[in-house]
Amino acid sequence: MQRTTGRLGLLALALAACARPAGRPAAAGTADSAVTDTLRPPVIWPLEEPWPKPAFTLVTTDGRPFDFRRETDGYATLLFFAYTHCPDVCPIHLAGIAGALKQMPLDEQARIRVVVVTADPARDSAAVFRAWLDNFDSRFVGLVGTPAAIDSAQAAARIPRARREYLPGRDSSQYLVGHWASVVAYSARDNQAHVLYRFGMRQGDWLPELRRLAREG
């Protein structure tokens, strides 16, 4: 597998504007698809040096403080920053993860935690974020917080800060969010991330990766 090439290489794949204006992403393999069958970029990126699991505390969608490092200790953990108005990157990632989890044995499912943090705290209230995540899997941990707290969590996770991208001719409440488009996976074995999963992962890609992570612990 191709390895990341340092900070510049990571930044080159980091931010996605979620720029498709319609709510439905193109099907894979079509000319308009973000990832085609004929020219598919690497989607699994091993890190040259592991990233330690970050320490940050946000609030769950049911109002409970959530210490990320402590609450995920002993689990293979996926961390993803997403938002409910995202037209493509976020729902594709989450649907792929949810579909793969449902195909796994129950004991392996129990070894994985999926933590999704809003990248758009201005619009994603706890109730809105919870309802959206439940469309994929009710077991996903949803975290919300103030803009400053979300920024701090991204910094702790070594992830570039999400930014608003305003659309010409739309009012200021209609914006997209340029955000980190990869899922970070932390091993239960050592609480470090050894791999990033880029946008373009399919359910068939997720299943062997999630089973591998579940077995590592």
C-alpha atoms as a PDB file:
ATOM      1  CA  MET A   1       0.000   0.000   0.000  1.00  0.00           C
ATOM      2  CA  GLN A   2       1.118   3.527  -0.677  1.00  0.00           C
ATOM      3  CA  ARG A   3       2.361   5.438   2.334  1.00  0.00           C
ATOM      4  CA  THR A   4       1.716   9.050   3.105  1.00  0.00           C
ATOM      5  CA  THR A   5       4.574  11.408   2.305  1.00  0.00           C
ATOM      6  CA  GLY A   6       4.597  13.711   5.307  1.00  0.00           C
ATOM      7  CA  ARG A   7       2.622  16.836   6.108  1.00  0.00           C
ATOM      8  CA  LEU A   8       2.306  18.127   2.545  1.00  0.00           C
ATOM      9  CA  GLY A   9       1.056  14.796   1.325  1.00  0.00           C
ATOM     10  CA  LEU A  10      -1.587  14.707   4.041  1.00  0.00           C
ATOM     11  CA  LEU A  11      -2.776  18.216   3.355  1.00  0.00           C
ATOM     12  CA  ALA A  12      -3.128  17.371  -0.324  1.00  0.00           C
ATOM     13  CA  LEU A  13      -5.786  14.790   0.542  1.00  0.00           C
ATOM     14  CA  ALA A  14      -7.165  16.448   3.657  1.00  0.00           C
ATOM     15  CA  LEU A  15      -9.950  18.885   2.860  1.00  0.00           C
ATOM     16  CA  ALA A  16     -13.054  18.188   0.828  1.00  0.00           C
ATOM     17  CA  ALA A  17     -15.578  20.879   0.069  1.00  0.00           C
ATOM     18  CA  CYS A  18     -18.522  18.486  -0.291  1.00  0.00           C
ATOM     19  CA  ALA A  19     -19.223  20.572  -3.338  1.00  0.00           C
ATOM     20  CA  ARG A  20     -21.914  18.556  -5.119  1.00  0.00           C
ATOM     21  CA  PRO A  21     -24.972  20.862  -4.877  1.00  0.00           C
ATOM     22  CA  ALA A  22     -27.567  18.124  -5.115  1.00  0.00           C
ATOM     23  CA  GLY A  23     -28.294  15.954  -2.121  1.00  0.00           C
ATOM     24  CA  ARG A  24     -27.598  12.666  -3.912  1.00  0.00           C
ATOM     25  CA  PRO A  25     -24.067  11.604  -4.794  1.00  0.00           C
ATOM     26  CA  ALA A  26     -23.282  10.180  -8.207  1.00  0.00           C
ATOM     27  CA  ALA A  27     -23.089   6.417  -8.444  1.00  0.00           C
ATOM     28  CA  ALA A  28     -19.636   4.904  -8.461  1.00  0.00           C
ATOM     29  CA  GLY A  29     -18.386   4.191 -11.942  1.00  0.00           C
ATOM     30  CA  THR A  30     -20.234   7.038 -13.680  1.00  0.00           C
ATOM     31  CA  ALA A  31     -18.360   9.810 -15.445  1.00  0.00           C
ATOM     32  CA  ASP A  32     -19.367  12.266 -12.731  1.00  0.00           C
ATOM     33  CA  SER A  33     -18.359  10.013  -9.849  1.00  0.00           C
ATOM     34  CA  ALA A  34     -15.796  11.174  -7.286  1.00  0.00           C
ATOM     35  CA  VAL A  35     -14.230   7.726  -7.522  1.00  0.00           C
ATOM     36  CA  THR A  36     -14.496   5.761 -10.773  1.00  0.00           C
ATOM     37  CA  ASP A  37     -13.883   2.122 -11.451  1.00  0.00           C
ATOM     38  CA  THR A  38     -11.402   2.857 -14.207  1.00  0.00           C
ATOM     39  CA  LEU A  39      -9.200   5.399 -12.394  1.00  0.00           C
ATOM     40  CA  ARG A  40      -9.402   4.810  -8.673  1.00  0.00           C
ATOM     41  CA  PRO A  41      -6.930   6.541  -6.345  1.00  0.00           C
ATOM     42  CA  PRO A  42      -5.569   4.787  -3.245  1.00  0.00           C
ATOM     43  CA  VAL A  43      -8.149   4.924  -0.469  1.00  0.00           C
ATOM     44  CA  ILE A  44      -6.223   3.184   2.338  1.00  0.00           C
ATOM     45  CA  TRP A  45      -3.235   5.257   3.467  1.00  0.00           C
ATOM     46  CA  PRO A  46      -0.852   3.780   6.060  1.00  0.00           C
ATOM     47  CA  LEU A  47       0.841   6.474   8.121  1.00  0.00           C
ATOM     48  CA  GLU A  48       4.627   6.659   8.090  1.00  0.00           C
ATOM     49  CA  GLU A  49       4.538   7.409  11.814  1.00  0.00           C
ATOM     50  CA  PRO A  50       1.558   6.483  14.006  1.00  0.00           C
ATOM     51  CA  TRP A  51      -0.639   9.214  15.449  1.00  0.00           C
ATOM     52  CA  PRO A  52      -1.423   8.939  19.168  1.00  0.00           C
ATOM     53  CA  LYS A  53      -5.065   8.883  20.151  1.00  0.00           C
ATOM     54  CA  PRO A  54      -5.977  12.506  20.974  1.00  0.00           C
ATOM     55  CA  ALA A  55      -7.232  13.809  24.285  1.00  0.00           C
ATOM     56  CA  PHE A  56     -10.342  15.961  23.979  1.00  0.00           C
ATOM     57  CA  THR A  57     -13.742  16.141  25.618  1.00  0.00           C
ATOM     58  CA  LEU A  58     -16.944  17.027  23.795  1.00  0.00           C
ATOM     59  CA  VAL A  59     -20.629  16.353  24.492  1.00  0.00           C
ATOM     60  CA  THR A  60     -22.630  13.370  23.255  1.00  0.00           C
ATOM     61  CA  THR A  61     -25.944  13.900  21.516  1.00  0.00           C
ATOM     62  CA  ASP A  62     -27.691  12.867  24.743  1.00  0.00           C
ATOM     63  CA  GLY A  63     -25.863  15.576  26.726  1.00  0.00           C
ATOM     64  CA  ARG A  64     -23.113  13.555  28.412  1.00  0.00           C
ATOM     65  CA  PRO A  65     -19.455  14.675  28.519  1.00  0.00           C
ATOM     66  CA  PHE A  66     -17.353  12.325  26.412  1.00  0.00           C
ATOM     67  CA  ASP A  67     -13.635  12.014  27.046  1.00  0.00           C
ATOM     68  CA  PHE A  68     -12.527  10.622  23.705  1.00  0.00           C
ATOM     69  CA  ARG A  69      -9.321   8.959  24.838  1.00  0.00           C
ATOM     70  CA  ARG A  70     -10.790   7.417  27.986  1.00  0.00           C
ATOM     71  CA  GLU A  71     -14.149   6.319  26.533  1.00  0.00           C
ATOM     72  CA  THR A  72     -12.587   4.585  23.536  1.00  0.00           C
ATOM     73  CA  ASP A  73      -9.766   2.853  25.418  1.00  0.00           C
ATOM     74  CA  GLY A  74      -9.722  -0.841  24.549  1.00  0.00           C
ATOM     75  CA  TYR A  75     -11.715  -0.413  21.346  1.00  0.00           C
ATOM     76  CA  ALA A  76     -10.686  -0.154  17.731  1.00  0.00           C
ATOM     77  CA  THR A  77     -11.930   3.371  17.081  1.00  0.00           C
ATOM     78  CA  LEU A  78     -12.914   5.237  13.942  1.00  0.00           C
ATOM     79  CA  LEU A  79     -12.930   9.034  14.217  1.00  0.00           C
ATOM     80  CA  PHE A  80     -14.640  11.151  11.581  1.00  0.00           C
ATOM     81  CA  PHE A  81     -15.612  14.827  11.440  1.00  0.00           C
ATOM     82  CA  ALA A  82     -18.849  15.187   9.473  1.00  0.00           C
ATOM     83  CA  TYR A  83     -21.910  17.407   9.133  1.00  0.00           C
ATOM     84  CA  THR A  84     -25.562  16.869   8.366  1.00  0.00           C
ATOM     85  CA  HIS A  85     -25.732  19.135   5.288  1.00  0.00           C
ATOM     86  CA  CYS A  86     -22.885  17.247   3.602  1.00  0.00           C
ATOM     87  CA  PRO A  87     -24.074  16.115   0.160  1.00  0.00           C
ATOM     88  CA  ASP A  88     -21.581  13.362  -0.560  1.00  0.00           C
ATOM     89  CA  VAL A  89     -18.419  12.634   1.473  1.00  0.00           C
ATOM     90  CA  CYS A  90     -20.066  12.184   4.877  1.00  0.00           C
ATOM     91  CA  PRO A  91     -23.065  10.015   3.964  1.00  0.00           C
ATOM     92  CA  ILE A  92     -20.958   7.793   1.711  1.00  0.00           C
ATOM     93  CA  HIS A  93     -18.383   7.156   4.438  1.00  0.00           C
ATOM     94  CA  LEU A  94     -21.005   6.525   7.125  1.00  0.00           C
ATOM     95  CA  ALA A  95     -23.191   4.304   4.952  1.00  0.00           C
ATOM     96  CA  GLY A  96     -20.173   2.206   3.997  1.00  0.00           C
ATOM     97  CA  ILE A  97     -19.068   1.777   7.595  1.00  0.00           C
ATOM     98  CA  ALA A  98     -22.598   0.959   8.785  1.00  0.00           C
ATOM     99  CA  GLY A  99     -23.154  -1.574   6.017  1.00  0.00           C
ATOM    100  CA  ALA A 100     -19.851  -3.320   6.712  1.00  0.00           C
ATOM    101  CA  LEU A 101     -20.464  -3.468  10.473  1.00  0.00           C
ATOM    102  CA  LYS A 102     -23.792  -5.204   9.937  1.00  0.00           C
ATOM    103  CA  GLN A 103     -22.027  -7.983   8.029  1.00  0.00           C
ATOM    104  CA  MET A 104     -19.569  -8.676  10.845  1.00  0.00           C
ATOM    105  CA  PRO A 105     -19.995 -11.192  13.669  1.00  0.00           C
ATOM    106  CA  LEU A 106     -21.504  -9.613  16.763  1.00  0.00           C
ATOM    107  CA  ASP A 107     -18.386 -10.129  18.863  1.00  0.00           C
ATOM    108  CA  GLU A 108     -16.304  -8.218  16.298  1.00  0.00           C
ATOM    109  CA  GLN A 109     -18.894  -5.428  16.061  1.00  0.00           C
ATOM    110  CA  ALA A 110     -18.643  -5.009  19.842  1.00  0.00           C
ATOM    111  CA  ARG A 111     -14.908  -4.303  19.608  1.00  0.00           C
ATOM    112  CA  ILE A 112     -15.333  -1.228  17.408  1.00  0.00           C
ATOM    113  CA  ARG A 113     -16.473   2.282  18.293  1.00  0.00           C
ATOM    114  CA  VAL A 114     -17.408   4.755  15.598  1.00  0.00           C
ATOM    115  CA  VAL A 115     -17.188   8.350  16.833  1.00  0.00           C
ATOM    116  CA  VAL A 116     -18.554  11.104  14.600  1.00  0.00           C
ATOM    117  CA  VAL A 117     -17.942  14.741  15.511  1.00  0.00           C
ATOM    118  CA  THR A 118     -19.878  17.559  13.882  1.00  0.00           C
ATOM    119  CA  ALA A 119     -17.807  19.832  11.675  1.00  0.00           C
ATOM    120  CA  ASP A 120     -20.692  22.329  11.559  1.00  0.00           C
ATOM    121  CA  PRO A 121     -21.680  23.174  15.154  1.00  0.00           C
ATOM    122  CA  ALA A 122     -23.694  26.217  14.068  1.00  0.00           C
ATOM    123  CA  ARG A 123     -26.309  24.076  12.327  1.00  0.00           C
ATOM    124  CA  ASP A 124     -25.896  20.654  13.924  1.00  0.00           C
ATOM    125  CA  SER A 125     -27.716  20.687  17.220  1.00  0.00           C
ATOM    126  CA  ALA A 126     -27.517  17.548  19.309  1.00  0.00           C
ATOM    127  CA  ALA A 127     -31.016  16.472  18.239  1.00  0.00           C
ATOM    128  CA  VAL A 128     -30.383  17.154  14.561  1.00  0.00           C
ATOM    129  CA  PHE A 129     -27.047  15.351  14.609  1.00  0.00           C
ATOM    130  CA  ARG A 130     -28.486  12.340  16.461  1.00  0.00           C
ATOM    131  CA  ALA A 131     -31.395  11.957  14.050  1.00  0.00           C
ATOM    132  CA  TRP A 132     -29.014  12.135  11.089  1.00  0.00           C
ATOM    133  CA  LEU A 133     -26.599   9.544  12.510  1.00  0.00           C
ATOM    134  CA  ASP A 134     -29.484   7.195  13.280  1.00  0.00           C
ATOM    135  CA  ASN A 135     -30.138   7.009   9.539  1.00  0.00           C
ATOM    136  CA  PHE A 136     -26.870   5.076   9.328  1.00  0.00           C
ATOM    137  CA  ASP A 137     -26.399   3.274  12.660  1.00  0.00           C
ATOM    138  CA  SER A 138     -27.815   4.167  16.057  1.00  0.00           C
ATOM    139  CA  ARG A 139     -24.630   2.880  17.698  1.00  0.00           C
ATOM    140  CA  PHE A 140     -22.501   5.634  16.197  1.00  0.00           C
ATOM    141  CA  VAL A 141     -21.359   8.003  18.942  1.00  0.00           C
ATOM    142  CA  GLY A 142     -22.258  11.566  17.944  1.00  0.00           C
ATOM    143  CA  LEU A 143     -20.354  14.454  19.494  1.00  0.00           C
ATOM    144  CA  VAL A 144     -21.219  18.152  19.447  1.00  0.00           C
ATOM    145  CA  GLY A 145     -19.770  21.253  21.074  1.00  0.00           C
ATOM    146  CA  THR A 146     -18.985  24.918  20.670  1.00  0.00           C
ATOM    147  CA  PRO A 147     -17.016  26.046  17.600  1.00  0.00           C
ATOM    148  CA  ALA A 148     -13.959  26.570  19.814  1.00  0.00           C
ATOM    149  CA  ALA A 149     -14.282  23.086  21.299  1.00  0.00           C
ATOM    150  CA  ILE A 150     -14.645  21.503  17.853  1.00  0.00           C
ATOM    151  CA  ASP A 151     -11.587  23.410  16.618  1.00  0.00           C
ATOM    152  CA  SER A 152      -9.605  22.191  19.622  1.00  0.00           C
ATOM    153  CA  ALA A 153     -10.671  18.594  18.988  1.00  0.00           C
ATOM    154  CA  GLN A 154      -9.536  18.808  15.372  1.00  0.00           C
ATOM    155  CA  ALA A 155      -6.195  20.231  16.440  1.00  0.00           C
ATOM    156  CA  ALA A 156      -5.741  17.474  19.025  1.00  0.00           C
ATOM    157  CA  ALA A 157      -6.463  14.878  16.352  1.00  0.00           C
ATOM    158  CA  ARG A 158      -3.940  16.500  13.951  1.00  0.00           C
ATOM    159  CA  ILE A 159      -6.749  17.318  11.556  1.00  0.00           C
ATOM    160  CA  PRO A 160      -7.000  20.648   9.665  1.00  0.00           C
ATOM    161  CA  ARG A 161      -9.771  22.910  10.917  1.00  0.00           C
ATOM    162  CA  ALA A 162     -13.013  22.768   8.938  1.00  0.00           C
ATOM    163  CA  ARG A 163     -13.997  25.949   7.132  1.00  0.00           C
ATOM    164  CA  ARG A 164     -17.173  27.382   5.685  1.00  0.00           C
ATOM    165  CA  GLU A 165     -17.404  27.761   1.925  1.00  0.00           C
ATOM    166  CA  TYR A 166     -20.150  30.154   0.901  1.00  0.00           C
ATOM    167  CA  LEU A 167     -22.102  29.618  -2.291  1.00  0.00           C
ATOM    168  CA  PRO A 168     -22.478  32.483  -4.800  1.00  0.00           C
ATOM    169  CA  GLY A 169     -25.992  33.850  -4.919  1.00  0.00           C
ATOM    170  CA  ARG A 170     -27.096  32.100  -1.719  1.00  0.00           C
ATOM    171  CA  ASP A 171     -27.756  33.678   1.659  1.00  0.00           C
ATOM    172  CA  SER A 172     -25.137  33.287   4.378  1.00  0.00           C
ATOM    173  CA  SER A 173     -26.951  30.355   6.006  1.00  0.00           C
ATOM    174  CA  GLN A 174     -26.481  28.284   2.850  1.00  0.00           C
ATOM    175  CA  TYR A 175     -22.885  27.151   2.889  1.00  0.00           C
ATOM    176  CA  LEU A 176     -20.822  24.025   2.483  1.00  0.00           C
ATOM    177  CA  VAL A 177     -18.093  22.954   4.874  1.00  0.00           C
ATOM    178  CA  GLY A 178     -14.607  22.185   3.650  1.00  0.00           C
ATOM    179  CA  HIS A 179     -13.551  19.462   6.064  1.00  0.00           C
ATOM    180  CA  TRP A 180     -11.132  16.589   6.546  1.00  0.00           C
ATOM    181  CA  ALA A 181     -12.464  13.870   4.279  1.00  0.00           C
ATOM    182  CA  SER A 182     -10.656  10.874   5.771  1.00  0.00           C
ATOM    183  CA  VAL A 183     -11.570   8.577   8.645  1.00  0.00           C
ATOM    184  CA  VAL A 184      -8.831   8.050  11.228  1.00  0.00           C
ATOM    185  CA  ALA A 185      -8.562   4.530  12.682  1.00  0.00           C
ATOM    186  CA  TYR A 186      -7.025   3.956  16.119  1.00  0.00           C
ATOM    187  CA  SER A 187      -5.919   0.471  17.097  1.00  0.00           C
ATOM    188  CA  ALA A 188      -7.171  -1.090  20.317  1.00  0.00           C
ATOM    189  CA  ARG A 189      -3.735  -2.627  20.731  1.00  0.00           C
ATOM    190  CA  ASP A 190      -1.745   0.580  21.222  1.00  0.00           C
ATOM    191  CA  ASN A 191      -4.247   3.488  21.030  1.00  0.00           C
ATOM    192  CA  GLN A 192      -2.493   4.843  17.958  1.00  0.00           C
ATOM    193  CA  ALA A 193      -3.609   5.486  14.398  1.00  0.00           C
ATOM    194  CA  HIS A 194      -1.683   3.584  11.765  1.00  0.00           C
ATOM    195  CA  VAL A 195      -3.960   4.187   8.787  1.00  0.00           C
ATOM    196  CA  LEU A 196      -6.307   6.749   7.234  1.00  0.00           C
ATOM    197  CA  TYR A 197      -9.328   5.815   5.142  1.00  0.00           C
ATOM    198  CA  ARG A 198      -9.877   8.316   2.339  1.00  0.00           C
ATOM    199  CA  PHE A 199     -13.085   9.245   0.567  1.00  0.00           C
ATOM    200  CA  GLY A 200     -13.734   6.529  -1.989  1.00  0.00           C
ATOM    201  CA  MET A 201     -13.842   3.600   0.448  1.00  0.00           C
ATOM    202  CA  ARG A 202     -16.599   1.211  -0.508  1.00  0.00           C
ATOM    203  CA  GLN A 203     -18.469  -1.238   1.664  1.00  0.00           C
ATOM    204  CA  GLY A 204     -16.342  -4.016   0.206  1.00  0.00           C
ATOM    205  CA  ASP A 205     -13.232  -2.111   1.287  1.00  0.00           C
ATOM    206  CA  TRP A 206     -14.538  -1.392   4.762  1.00  0.00           C
ATOM    207  CA  LEU A 207     -15.468  -4.966   5.670  1.00  0.00           C
ATOM    208  CA  PRO A 208     -11.973  -6.550   5.666  1.00  0.00           C
ATOM    209  CA  GLU A 209     -10.466  -3.438   7.254  1.00  0.00           C
ATOM    210  CA  LEU A 210     -12.981  -3.343  10.100  1.00  0.00           C
ATOM    211  CA  ARG A 211     -12.582  -7.061  10.713  1.00  0.00           C
ATOM    212  CA  ARG A 212      -8.814  -6.633  10.809  1.00  0.00           C
ATOM    213  CA  LEU A 213      -9.091  -3.777  13.295  1.00  0.00           C
ATOM    214  CA  ALA A 214     -11.512  -5.749  15.476  1.00  0.00           C
ATOM    215  CA  ARG A 215      -9.126  -8.712  15.601  1.00  0.00           C
ATOM    216  CA  GLU A 216      -6.065  -6.631  16.475  1.00  0.00           C
ATOM    217  CA  GLY A 217      -7.192  -6.116  20.047  1.00  0.00           C
END
